[in-house]
C-alpha atoms as a PDB file:
ATOM      1  CA  UNK A   1     -16.375  -2.430 -37.077  1.00  0.00           C
ATOM      2  CA  UNK A   2     -18.024   0.770 -35.877  1.00  0.00           C
ATOM      3  CA  UNK A   3     -20.188  -1.177 -33.444  1.00  0.00           C
ATOM      4  CA  UNK A   4     -17.141  -2.975 -32.055  1.00  0.00           C
ATOM      5  CA  UNK A   5     -15.315   0.335 -31.638  1.00  0.00           C
ATOM      6  CA  UNK A   6     -18.265   1.892 -29.793  1.00  0.00           C
ATOM      7  CA  UNK A   7     -18.566  -1.109 -27.490  1.00  0.00           C
ATOM      8  CA  UNK A   8     -14.846  -0.968 -26.727  1.00  0.00           C
ATOM      9  CA  UNK A   9     -15.005   2.777 -26.012  1.00  0.00           C
ATOM     10  CA  UNK A  10     -18.005   2.262 -23.720  1.00  0.00           C
ATOM     11  CA  UNK A  11     -16.181  -0.492 -21.883  1.00  0.00           C
ATOM     12  CA  UNK A  12     -13.068   1.658 -21.384  1.00  0.00           C
ATOM     13  CA  UNK A  13     -15.127   4.594 -20.122  1.00  0.00           C
ATOM     14  CA  UNK A  14     -16.969   2.334 -17.665  1.00  0.00           C
ATOM     15  CA  UNK A  15     -13.722   0.809 -16.451  1.00  0.00           C
ATOM     16  CA  UNK A  16     -12.258   4.297 -16.012  1.00  0.00           C
ATOM     17  CA  UNK A  17     -15.307   5.408 -14.030  1.00  0.00           C
ATOM     18  CA  UNK A  18     -15.161   2.381 -11.751  1.00  0.00           C
ATOM     19  CA  UNK A  19     -11.463   2.945 -11.112  1.00  0.00           C
ATOM     20  CA  UNK A  20     -11.985   6.618 -10.267  1.00  0.00           C
ATOM     21  CA  UNK A  21     -14.968   5.816  -8.052  1.00  0.00           C
ATOM     22  CA  UNK A  22     -13.054   3.363  -5.892  1.00  0.00           C
ATOM     23  CA  UNK A  23     -12.007   4.409  -2.408  1.00  0.00           C
ATOM     24  CA  UNK A  24      -8.248   4.897  -2.466  1.00  0.00           C
ATOM     25  CA  UNK A  25      -5.816   4.700   0.473  1.00  0.00           C
ATOM     26  CA  UNK A  26      -5.816   8.010   2.321  1.00  0.00           C
ATOM     27  CA  UNK A  27      -9.564   8.610   1.992  1.00  0.00           C
ATOM     28  CA  UNK A  28     -10.653  10.624   5.037  1.00  0.00           C
ATOM     29  CA  UNK A  29     -13.398  10.263   7.609  1.00  0.00           C
ATOM     30  CA  UNK A  30     -13.899  13.180  10.001  1.00  0.00           C
ATOM     31  CA  UNK A  31     -14.840  12.271  13.576  1.00  0.00           C
ATOM     32  CA  UNK A  32     -16.866  14.695  15.664  1.00  0.00           C
ATOM     33  CA  UNK A  33     -17.052  14.682  19.444  1.00  0.00           C
ATOM     34  CA  UNK A  34     -20.383  13.452  20.776  1.00  0.00           C
ATOM     35  CA  UNK A  35     -22.610  16.154  22.206  1.00  0.00           C
ATOM     36  CA  UNK A  36     -25.009  13.805  23.961  1.00  0.00           C
ATOM     37  CA  UNK A  37     -24.680  10.451  25.713  1.00  0.00           C
ATOM     38  CA  UNK A  38     -24.116   7.317  23.636  1.00  0.00           C
ATOM     39  CA  UNK A  39     -26.077   4.356  25.022  1.00  0.00           C
ATOM     40  CA  UNK A  40     -24.875   0.946  23.857  1.00  0.00           C
ATOM     41  CA  UNK A  41     -28.202  -0.455  22.688  1.00  0.00           C
ATOM     42  CA  UNK A  42     -27.322  -1.616  19.197  1.00  0.00           C
ATOM     43  CA  UNK A  43     -29.635   0.981  17.639  1.00  0.00           C
ATOM     44  CA  UNK A  44     -27.433   3.922  16.507  1.00  0.00           C
ATOM     45  CA  UNK A  45     -30.423   6.129  17.235  1.00  0.00           C
ATOM     46  CA  UNK A  46     -28.686   9.009  19.039  1.00  0.00           C
ATOM     47  CA  UNK A  47     -28.358  12.341  17.182  1.00  0.00           C
ATOM     48  CA  UNK A  48     -24.558  12.045  17.242  1.00  0.00           C
ATOM     49  CA  UNK A  49     -24.779   8.896  15.125  1.00  0.00           C
ATOM     50  CA  UNK A  50     -27.157  10.582  12.700  1.00  0.00           C
ATOM     51  CA  UNK A  51     -24.719  13.452  12.051  1.00  0.00           C
ATOM     52  CA  UNK A  52     -21.543  11.334  11.977  1.00  0.00           C
ATOM     53  CA  UNK A  53     -19.586  10.780   8.782  1.00  0.00           C
ATOM     54  CA  UNK A  54     -20.354   7.405   7.208  1.00  0.00           C
ATOM     55  CA  UNK A  55     -17.726   5.049   5.817  1.00  0.00           C
ATOM     56  CA  UNK A  56     -19.732   3.248   3.150  1.00  0.00           C
ATOM     57  CA  UNK A  57     -19.420   1.772  -0.326  1.00  0.00           C
ATOM     58  CA  UNK A  58     -17.324  -1.244   0.682  1.00  0.00           C
ATOM     59  CA  UNK A  59     -15.369  -3.119  -2.029  1.00  0.00           C
ATOM     60  CA  UNK A  60     -14.810  -6.833  -2.390  1.00  0.00           C
ATOM     61  CA  UNK A  61     -11.337  -8.164  -1.760  1.00  0.00           C
ATOM     62  CA  UNK A  62     -12.269 -11.849  -2.030  1.00  0.00           C
ATOM     63  CA  UNK A  63     -13.157 -13.900  -4.066  1.00  0.00           C
ATOM     64  CA  UNK A  64     -12.726 -11.087  -6.626  1.00  0.00           C
ATOM     65  CA  UNK A  65     -11.560  -7.502  -6.152  1.00  0.00           C
ATOM     66  CA  UNK A  66     -13.417  -5.698  -8.931  1.00  0.00           C
ATOM     67  CA  UNK A  67     -17.067  -5.499  -7.771  1.00  0.00           C
ATOM     68  CA  UNK A  68     -19.050  -4.487  -4.684  1.00  0.00           C
ATOM     69  CA  UNK A  69     -20.122  -7.162  -2.168  1.00  0.00           C
ATOM     70  CA  UNK A  70     -23.582  -8.738  -2.318  1.00  0.00           C
ATOM     71  CA  UNK A  71     -24.536  -6.803   0.819  1.00  0.00           C
ATOM     72  CA  UNK A  72     -23.011  -3.480   1.826  1.00  0.00           C
ATOM     73  CA  UNK A  73     -21.706  -2.301   5.198  1.00  0.00           C
ATOM     74  CA  UNK A  74     -21.419   1.069   6.924  1.00  0.00           C
ATOM     75  CA  UNK A  75     -19.241   2.367   9.762  1.00  0.00           C
ATOM     76  CA  UNK A  76     -19.587   5.477  11.904  1.00  0.00           C
ATOM     77  CA  UNK A  77     -17.312   6.879  14.620  1.00  0.00           C
ATOM     78  CA  UNK A  78     -17.725   9.362  17.445  1.00  0.00           C
ATOM     79  CA  UNK A  79     -16.054   9.892  20.824  1.00  0.00           C
ATOM     80  CA  UNK A  80     -16.287  11.534  24.223  1.00  0.00           C
ATOM     81  CA  UNK A  81     -13.741  12.073  26.996  1.00  0.00           C
ATOM     82  CA  UNK A  82     -13.668   8.384  27.919  1.00  0.00           C
ATOM     83  CA  UNK A  83     -14.590   6.266  24.895  1.00  0.00           C
ATOM     84  CA  UNK A  84     -14.091   5.814  21.195  1.00  0.00           C
ATOM     85  CA  UNK A  85     -17.422   4.643  19.737  1.00  0.00           C
ATOM     86  CA  UNK A  86     -17.785   2.690  16.502  1.00  0.00           C
ATOM     87  CA  UNK A  87     -21.158   1.857  14.986  1.00  0.00           C
ATOM     88  CA  UNK A  88     -21.577  -0.739  12.232  1.00  0.00           C
ATOM     89  CA  UNK A  89     -24.537  -1.499   9.986  1.00  0.00           C
ATOM     90  CA  UNK A  90     -24.164  -4.776   8.096  1.00  0.00           C
ATOM     91  CA  UNK A  91     -26.882  -5.200   5.493  1.00  0.00           C
ATOM     92  CA  UNK A  92     -27.970  -8.791   5.129  1.00  0.00           C
ATOM     93  CA  UNK A  93     -30.931 -11.088   4.558  1.00  0.00           C
ATOM     94  CA  UNK A  94     -32.554 -13.728   6.757  1.00  0.00           C
ATOM     95  CA  UNK A  95     -30.054 -16.482   5.998  1.00  0.00           C
ATOM     96  CA  UNK A  96     -28.611 -17.924   9.245  1.00  0.00           C
ATOM     97  CA  UNK A  97     -25.389 -16.281  10.375  1.00  0.00           C
ATOM     98  CA  UNK A  98     -22.288 -18.439  10.539  1.00  0.00           C
ATOM     99  CA  UNK A  99     -20.790 -18.176  14.017  1.00  0.00           C
ATOM    100  CA  UNK A 100     -18.957 -21.319  15.013  1.00  0.00           C
ATOM    101  CA  UNK A 101     -18.300 -20.373  18.620  1.00  0.00           C
ATOM    102  CA  UNK A 102     -19.474 -18.004  21.347  1.00  0.00           C
ATOM    103  CA  UNK A 103     -16.017 -18.044  22.840  1.00  0.00           C
ATOM    104  CA  UNK A 104     -14.048 -14.794  22.888  1.00  0.00           C
ATOM    105  CA  UNK A 105     -11.290 -14.374  20.285  1.00  0.00           C
ATOM    106  CA  UNK A 106     -12.969 -16.344  17.512  1.00  0.00           C
ATOM    107  CA  UNK A 107     -11.200 -17.658  14.437  1.00  0.00           C
ATOM    108  CA  UNK A 108     -11.631 -14.776  12.039  1.00  0.00           C
ATOM    109  CA  UNK A 109     -11.851 -16.719   8.801  1.00  0.00           C
ATOM    110  CA  UNK A 110     -14.667 -19.109   9.804  1.00  0.00           C
ATOM    111  CA  UNK A 111     -17.046 -16.641  11.494  1.00  0.00           C
ATOM    112  CA  UNK A 112     -19.220 -13.814  10.160  1.00  0.00           C
ATOM    113  CA  UNK A 113     -17.786 -10.616  11.649  1.00  0.00           C
ATOM    114  CA  UNK A 114     -16.977  -6.973  11.092  1.00  0.00           C
ATOM    115  CA  UNK A 115     -14.193  -4.959  12.644  1.00  0.00           C
ATOM    116  CA  UNK A 116     -12.155  -1.794  12.896  1.00  0.00           C
ATOM    117  CA  UNK A 117      -8.399  -1.851  12.256  1.00  0.00           C
ATOM    118  CA  UNK A 118      -6.565   1.261  13.391  1.00  0.00           C
ATOM    119  CA  UNK A 119      -3.058   2.681  13.516  1.00  0.00           C
ATOM    120  CA  UNK A 120      -3.158   5.433  16.174  1.00  0.00           C
ATOM    121  CA  UNK A 121       0.580   6.114  15.781  1.00  0.00           C
ATOM    122  CA  UNK A 122       0.382   7.083  12.092  1.00  0.00           C
ATOM    123  CA  UNK A 123       3.450   4.932  11.393  1.00  0.00           C
ATOM    124  CA  UNK A 124       1.727   2.415   9.098  1.00  0.00           C
ATOM    125  CA  UNK A 125       3.275  -0.321  11.251  1.00  0.00           C
ATOM    126  CA  UNK A 126       1.608  -0.899  14.609  1.00  0.00           C
ATOM    127  CA  UNK A 127      -2.003  -0.784  15.730  1.00  0.00           C
ATOM    128  CA  UNK A 128      -5.057  -2.495  17.158  1.00  0.00           C
ATOM    129  CA  UNK A 129      -8.079  -4.358  15.872  1.00  0.00           C
ATOM    130  CA  UNK A 130     -11.521  -4.941  17.360  1.00  0.00           C
ATOM    131  CA  UNK A 131     -13.998  -7.296  15.688  1.00  0.00           C
ATOM    132  CA  UNK A 132     -17.491  -8.496  16.548  1.00  0.00           C
ATOM    133  CA  UNK A 133     -19.862 -11.161  15.227  1.00  0.00           C
ATOM    134  CA  UNK A 134     -23.650 -10.995  14.679  1.00  0.00           C
ATOM    135  CA  UNK A 135     -23.926 -12.899  17.972  1.00  0.00           C
ATOM    136  CA  UNK A 136     -21.951 -10.216  19.809  1.00  0.00           C
ATOM    137  CA  UNK A 137     -18.753 -12.236  20.261  1.00  0.00           C
ATOM    138  CA  UNK A 138     -15.746  -9.966  20.714  1.00  0.00           C
ATOM    139  CA  UNK A 139     -12.203 -10.333  19.466  1.00  0.00           C
ATOM    140  CA  UNK A 140      -9.363  -7.883  19.854  1.00  0.00           C
ATOM    141  CA  UNK A 141      -5.640  -7.818  19.319  1.00  0.00           C
ATOM    142  CA  UNK A 142      -2.578  -5.923  18.262  1.00  0.00           C
ATOM    143  CA  UNK A 143      -1.109  -5.471  14.798  1.00  0.00           C
ATOM    144  CA  UNK A 144       2.515  -5.263  13.710  1.00  0.00           C
ATOM    145  CA  UNK A 145       4.361  -5.140  10.428  1.00  0.00           C
ATOM    146  CA  UNK A 146       1.651  -2.952   8.956  1.00  0.00           C
ATOM    147  CA  UNK A 147      -0.815  -5.854   8.888  1.00  0.00           C
ATOM    148  CA  UNK A 148       0.815  -7.109   5.715  1.00  0.00           C
ATOM    149  CA  UNK A 149       0.876 -10.831   6.618  1.00  0.00           C
ATOM    150  CA  UNK A 150      -1.215 -13.266   8.638  1.00  0.00           C
ATOM    151  CA  UNK A 151       1.488 -13.209  11.330  1.00  0.00           C
ATOM    152  CA  UNK A 152       0.871  -9.464  11.809  1.00  0.00           C
ATOM    153  CA  UNK A 153      -2.267 -10.117  13.886  1.00  0.00           C
ATOM    154  CA  UNK A 154      -1.933 -11.213  17.514  1.00  0.00           C
ATOM    155  CA  UNK A 155      -5.147 -11.882  19.442  1.00  0.00           C
ATOM    156  CA  UNK A 156      -3.367 -12.853  22.672  1.00  0.00           C
ATOM    157  CA  UNK A 157      -3.639  -9.190  23.706  1.00  0.00           C
ATOM    158  CA  UNK A 158      -6.815  -8.851  25.771  1.00  0.00           C
ATOM    159  CA  UNK A 159      -8.449  -5.739  27.150  1.00  0.00           C
ATOM    160  CA  UNK A 160     -11.799  -4.375  28.217  1.00  0.00           C
ATOM    161  CA  UNK A 161     -14.259  -2.896  25.750  1.00  0.00           C
ATOM    162  CA  UNK A 162     -18.016  -2.962  25.434  1.00  0.00           C
ATOM    163  CA  UNK A 163     -20.515  -3.808  22.730  1.00  0.00           C
ATOM    164  CA  UNK A 164     -24.125  -4.482  21.831  1.00  0.00           C
ATOM    165  CA  UNK A 165     -25.485  -6.178  18.698  1.00  0.00           C
ATOM    166  CA  UNK A 166     -29.059  -6.298  17.394  1.00  0.00           C
ATOM    167  CA  UNK A 167     -30.253  -8.529  14.547  1.00  0.00           C
ATOM    168  CA  UNK A 168     -33.016  -7.397  12.177  1.00  0.00           C
ATOM    169  CA  UNK A 169     -34.457  -9.139   9.125  1.00  0.00           C
ATOM    170  CA  UNK A 170     -32.387  -7.115   6.660  1.00  0.00           C
ATOM    171  CA  UNK A 171     -29.306  -6.117   8.673  1.00  0.00           C
ATOM    172  CA  UNK A 172     -27.393  -6.511  11.886  1.00  0.00           C
ATOM    173  CA  UNK A 173     -26.159  -3.522  13.851  1.00  0.00           C
ATOM    174  CA  UNK A 174     -23.139  -3.477  16.147  1.00  0.00           C
ATOM    175  CA  UNK A 175     -22.278  -0.671  18.541  1.00  0.00           C
ATOM    176  CA  UNK A 176     -18.948  -0.774  20.369  1.00  0.00           C
ATOM    177  CA  UNK A 177     -17.229   1.427  22.952  1.00  0.00           C
ATOM    178  CA  UNK A 178     -13.450   1.258  23.335  1.00  0.00           C
ATOM    179  CA  UNK A 179     -12.019   3.055  26.392  1.00  0.00           C
ATOM    180  CA  UNK A 180      -9.254   5.439  25.385  1.00  0.00           C
ATOM    181  CA  UNK A 181      -7.171   4.061  28.253  1.00  0.00           C
ATOM    182  CA  UNK A 182      -7.347   0.624  26.615  1.00  0.00           C
ATOM    183  CA  UNK A 183      -5.186   1.740  23.692  1.00  0.00           C
ATOM    184  CA  UNK A 184      -2.137   3.916  23.168  1.00  0.00           C
ATOM    185  CA  UNK A 185      -1.938   6.841  20.765  1.00  0.00           C
ATOM    186  CA  UNK A 186       0.327   9.785  20.177  1.00  0.00           C
ATOM    187  CA  UNK A 187      -0.805  11.697  17.087  1.00  0.00           C
ATOM    188  CA  UNK A 188      -3.943  13.471  15.977  1.00  0.00           C
ATOM    189  CA  UNK A 189      -4.363  11.698  12.638  1.00  0.00           C
ATOM    190  CA  UNK A 190      -4.848   7.925  12.640  1.00  0.00           C
ATOM    191  CA  UNK A 191      -4.848   5.372   9.845  1.00  0.00           C
ATOM    192  CA  UNK A 192      -7.977   3.246   9.857  1.00  0.00           C
ATOM    193  CA  UNK A 193     -10.038   0.803   7.847  1.00  0.00           C
ATOM    194  CA  UNK A 194     -13.075  -1.412   8.316  1.00  0.00           C
ATOM    195  CA  UNK A 195     -13.281  -5.031   7.234  1.00  0.00           C
ATOM    196  CA  UNK A 196     -16.221  -7.439   6.966  1.00  0.00           C
ATOM    197  CA  UNK A 197     -16.000 -11.207   6.618  1.00  0.00           C
ATOM    198  CA  UNK A 198     -19.283 -12.532   5.207  1.00  0.00           C
ATOM    199  CA  UNK A 199     -18.595 -16.245   5.516  1.00  0.00           C
ATOM    200  CA  UNK A 200     -22.016 -17.441   4.404  1.00  0.00           C
ATOM    201  CA  UNK A 201     -21.422 -15.804   1.016  1.00  0.00           C
ATOM    202  CA  UNK A 202     -17.675 -16.457   0.909  1.00  0.00           C
ATOM    203  CA  UNK A 203     -16.996 -12.723   0.613  1.00  0.00           C
ATOM    204  CA  UNK A 204     -14.497 -10.387   2.276  1.00  0.00           C
ATOM    205  CA  UNK A 205     -15.036  -6.653   1.806  1.00  0.00           C
ATOM    206  CA  UNK A 206     -13.427  -3.494   3.131  1.00  0.00           C
ATOM    207  CA  UNK A 207     -13.868   0.278   3.123  1.00  0.00           C
ATOM    208  CA  UNK A 208     -10.717   0.819   1.067  1.00  0.00           C
ATOM    209  CA  UNK A 209     -10.514  -1.049  -2.236  1.00  0.00           C
ATOM    210  CA  UNK A 210      -7.705  -3.599  -1.857  1.00  0.00           C
ATOM    211  CA  UNK A 211      -6.268  -5.899  -4.563  1.00  0.00           C
ATOM    212  CA  UNK A 212      -6.990  -9.558  -3.927  1.00  0.00           C
ATOM    213  CA  UNK A 213      -3.315 -10.408  -3.351  1.00  0.00           C
ATOM    214  CA  UNK A 214      -3.130  -8.097  -0.309  1.00  0.00           C
ATOM    215  CA  UNK A 215      -4.703  -8.279   3.141  1.00  0.00           C
ATOM    216  CA  UNK A 216      -7.496  -5.642   3.223  1.00  0.00           C
ATOM    217  CA  UNK A 217      -6.788  -4.830   6.883  1.00  0.00           C
ATOM    218  CA  UNK A 218      -3.211  -3.767   6.129  1.00  0.00           C
ATOM    219  CA  UNK A 219      -2.356  -0.141   6.801  1.00  0.00           C
ATOM    220  CA  UNK A 220      -1.012   0.230   3.265  1.00  0.00           C
ATOM    221  CA  UNK A 221      -4.698   0.184   2.275  1.00  0.00           C
ATOM    222  CA  UNK A 222      -6.205   2.356   4.982  1.00  0.00           C
ATOM    223  CA  UNK A 223      -8.001   5.661   5.251  1.00  0.00           C
ATOM    224  CA  UNK A 224      -7.332   8.676   7.447  1.00  0.00           C
ATOM    225  CA  UNK A 225      -9.214   9.321  10.680  1.00  0.00           C
ATOM    226  CA  UNK A 226      -9.367  13.091  11.201  1.00  0.00           C
ATOM    227  CA  UNK A 227     -10.375  14.308  14.648  1.00  0.00           C
ATOM    228  CA  UNK A 228     -12.667  17.339  14.647  1.00  0.00           C
ATOM    229  CA  UNK A 229     -11.548  18.178  18.219  1.00  0.00           C
ATOM    230  CA  UNK A 230      -8.478  17.215  20.291  1.00  0.00           C
ATOM    231  CA  UNK A 231      -8.488  13.778  21.893  1.00  0.00           C
ATOM    232  CA  UNK A 232      -8.406  13.328  25.665  1.00  0.00           C
ATOM    233  CA  UNK A 233      -4.991  12.892  27.243  1.00  0.00           C
ATOM    234  CA  UNK A 234      -3.948   9.245  27.353  1.00  0.00           C
ATOM    235  CA  UNK A 235      -4.258   7.702  30.829  1.00  0.00           C
ATOM    236  CA  UNK A 236      -2.597   4.669  32.357  1.00  0.00           C
ATOM    237  CA  UNK A 237      -4.602   1.470  32.082  1.00  0.00           C
ATOM    238  CA  UNK A 238      -4.552  -0.345  35.446  1.00  0.00           C
ATOM    239  CA  UNK A 239      -6.773  -3.287  36.405  1.00  0.00           C
ATOM    240  CA  UNK A 240      -7.037  -5.303  39.611  1.00  0.00           C
END
């Protein structure tokens, strides 16, 4: 009886610790303005990347929502007067990546990819997403309805952004640059999350712990992007 009681108490304490340790909605990441030049080389070797806050400790959303993924991911953000930069490190092994097409705007659910999902209006309703595969294939789109359903994601919105991916034996690294004039924004604090689809392991993980019944890219389960310095004034996006 005593042994059973001790085991139960240990289990409850461990469960409590895991619950407290999880990243909750509203977790913050502070973004500093880049001092030097960011070169898109898929290396994240500039000093600004080394001093940037790291969004790490991803949680599984699928096939279960109670443990970490087999391989972790990291995200970093910085910016200058023209671009928002996002750097990803996706830890992996040498198993072949699953990328079914090199065509832009891939099908999310059947391709290995990682992406950033952001609400620059702080209304928990509308926003943008940018995803990239280990082969460097880009997808982007707009979000509505808070990202709560599959219909909330529309990839028919196309715009210019830049990226570079490098593949190593134990990770793949993606570096992307999104022009500020590509998106719209009107507040200093944004809602943001990062989502990885690891198809070859049948795992979906995100920065914010999200119950399995909810979409982990939804803004209801997002963190806060806090700008260390004011953003540049939004400019009109015109292309010929």
